[in-house]
Amino acid sequence: MRTASDRLGLTFPVALDGDWSALRRWWPELEIRGWTSVSFVVDRKGVIRYVHPGGEFHEGQRGGESHRRCERDYKEIEQVISRLLGE
């Protein structure tokens, strides 16, 4: 995670929930959701402003509908972060 954050030039705090304790509190019924990960964007006041419901997201289309969704999700989270950094 730190390598990816550095590569992307992120200068804001990034957290990893290694034991899933925060994930289970904020994303109940994890087992029926189909993913074991979720990404939250939290603003400066600690308010969750965006939730990516899991799976993968990345820049660039690598083929197939699922990867077009990844590209769309990547752009969406990028826009959310940019907007919040501007606030």
Protein backbone atom coordinates (compact mmCIF):
# COMPACT_ATOMS: atom_id res chain seq x y z
CA MET A 1 0.00 0.00 0.00
CA ARG A 2 2.79 2.42 0.85
CA THR A 3 4.51 1.72 -2.48
CA ALA A 4 1.29 2.35 -4.40
CA SER A 5 0.60 5.54 -2.42
CA ASP A 6 4.10 6.83 -3.13
CA ARG A 7 3.86 5.93 -6.82
CA LEU A 8 0.57 7.82 -7.09
CA GLY A 9 2.01 10.84 -5.28
CA LEU A 10 -0.57 10.74 -2.48
CA THR A 11 0.29 13.28 0.19
CA PHE A 12 -2.69 12.65 2.44
CA PRO A 13 -3.03 9.94 5.11
CA VAL A 14 -3.72 6.44 3.83
CA ALA A 15 -4.66 3.67 6.24
CA LEU A 16 -4.65 -0.10 6.07
CA ASP A 17 -7.05 -2.10 8.23
CA GLY A 18 -4.97 -5.25 8.54
CA ASP A 19 -7.26 -7.07 10.97
CA TRP A 20 -10.47 -5.78 9.33
CA SER A 21 -11.78 -4.37 12.62
CA ALA A 22 -12.77 -1.01 11.08
CA LEU A 23 -14.07 -2.73 7.97
CA ARG A 24 -16.38 -4.97 9.99
CA ARG A 25 -17.67 -1.99 11.98
CA TRP A 26 -18.35 0.22 8.96
CA TRP A 27 -19.23 -2.49 6.43
CA PRO A 28 -21.36 -5.04 8.34
CA GLU A 29 -22.32 -8.39 6.88
CA LEU A 30 -19.00 -8.53 5.06
CA GLU A 31 -19.45 -12.18 4.14
CA ILE A 32 -22.59 -11.59 2.05
CA ARG A 33 -21.21 -8.55 0.19
CA GLY A 34 -18.97 -10.63 -2.09
CA TRP A 35 -15.75 -8.70 -1.45
CA THR A 36 -13.25 -8.71 1.36
CA SER A 37 -12.19 -5.14 0.76
CA VAL A 38 -13.75 -1.73 0.63
CA SER A 39 -12.24 1.72 0.15
CA PHE A 40 -13.45 4.74 2.09
CA VAL A 41 -12.55 8.35 1.41
CA VAL A 42 -12.78 10.30 4.65
CA ASP A 43 -12.76 14.10 4.73
CA ARG A 44 -10.79 16.30 7.11
CA LYS A 45 -13.61 16.22 9.64
CA GLY A 46 -13.66 12.41 9.68
CA VAL A 47 -16.84 12.08 7.61
CA ILE A 48 -16.96 9.24 5.12
CA ARG A 49 -17.53 10.96 1.77
CA TYR A 50 -17.10 8.06 -0.66
CA VAL A 51 -17.33 4.29 -0.46
CA HIS A 52 -15.97 1.98 -3.12
CA PRO A 53 -17.68 -1.34 -2.33
CA GLY A 54 -14.71 -3.59 -2.96
CA GLY A 55 -13.11 -5.59 -5.63
CA GLU A 56 -10.57 -3.85 -7.76
CA PHE A 57 -10.25 -0.45 -9.32
CA HIS A 58 -7.37 0.81 -11.37
CA GLU A 59 -6.41 3.25 -14.05
CA GLY A 60 -6.60 2.03 -17.63
CA GLN A 61 -8.88 -0.41 -19.37
CA ARG A 62 -7.38 -3.86 -19.55
CA GLY A 63 -10.23 -5.47 -21.45
CA GLY A 64 -13.68 -6.71 -20.60
CA GLU A 65 -16.66 -5.10 -18.93
CA SER A 66 -15.31 -5.60 -15.40
CA HIS A 67 -12.21 -3.59 -16.27
CA ARG A 68 -14.25 -0.80 -17.82
CA ARG A 69 -15.99 -0.64 -14.46
CA CYS A 70 -12.57 -0.49 -12.78
CA GLU A 71 -11.59 2.46 -14.95
CA ARG A 72 -14.88 4.23 -14.21
CA ASP A 73 -14.51 3.63 -10.47
CA TYR A 74 -10.89 4.79 -10.56
CA LYS A 75 -11.87 8.07 -12.22
CA GLU A 76 -14.73 8.55 -9.78
CA ILE A 77 -12.58 8.11 -6.67
CA GLU A 78 -9.91 10.34 -8.22
CA GLN A 79 -12.49 13.10 -8.72
CA VAL A 80 -13.78 12.75 -5.17
CA ILE A 81 -10.27 13.03 -3.75
CA SER A 82 -9.45 16.05 -5.92
CA ARG A 83 -12.68 17.79 -4.90
CA LEU A 84 -12.06 17.14 -1.20
CA LEU A 85 -8.47 18.35 -1.40
CA GLY A 86 -9.81 21.59 -2.87
CA GLU A 87 -12.20 22.19 0.02
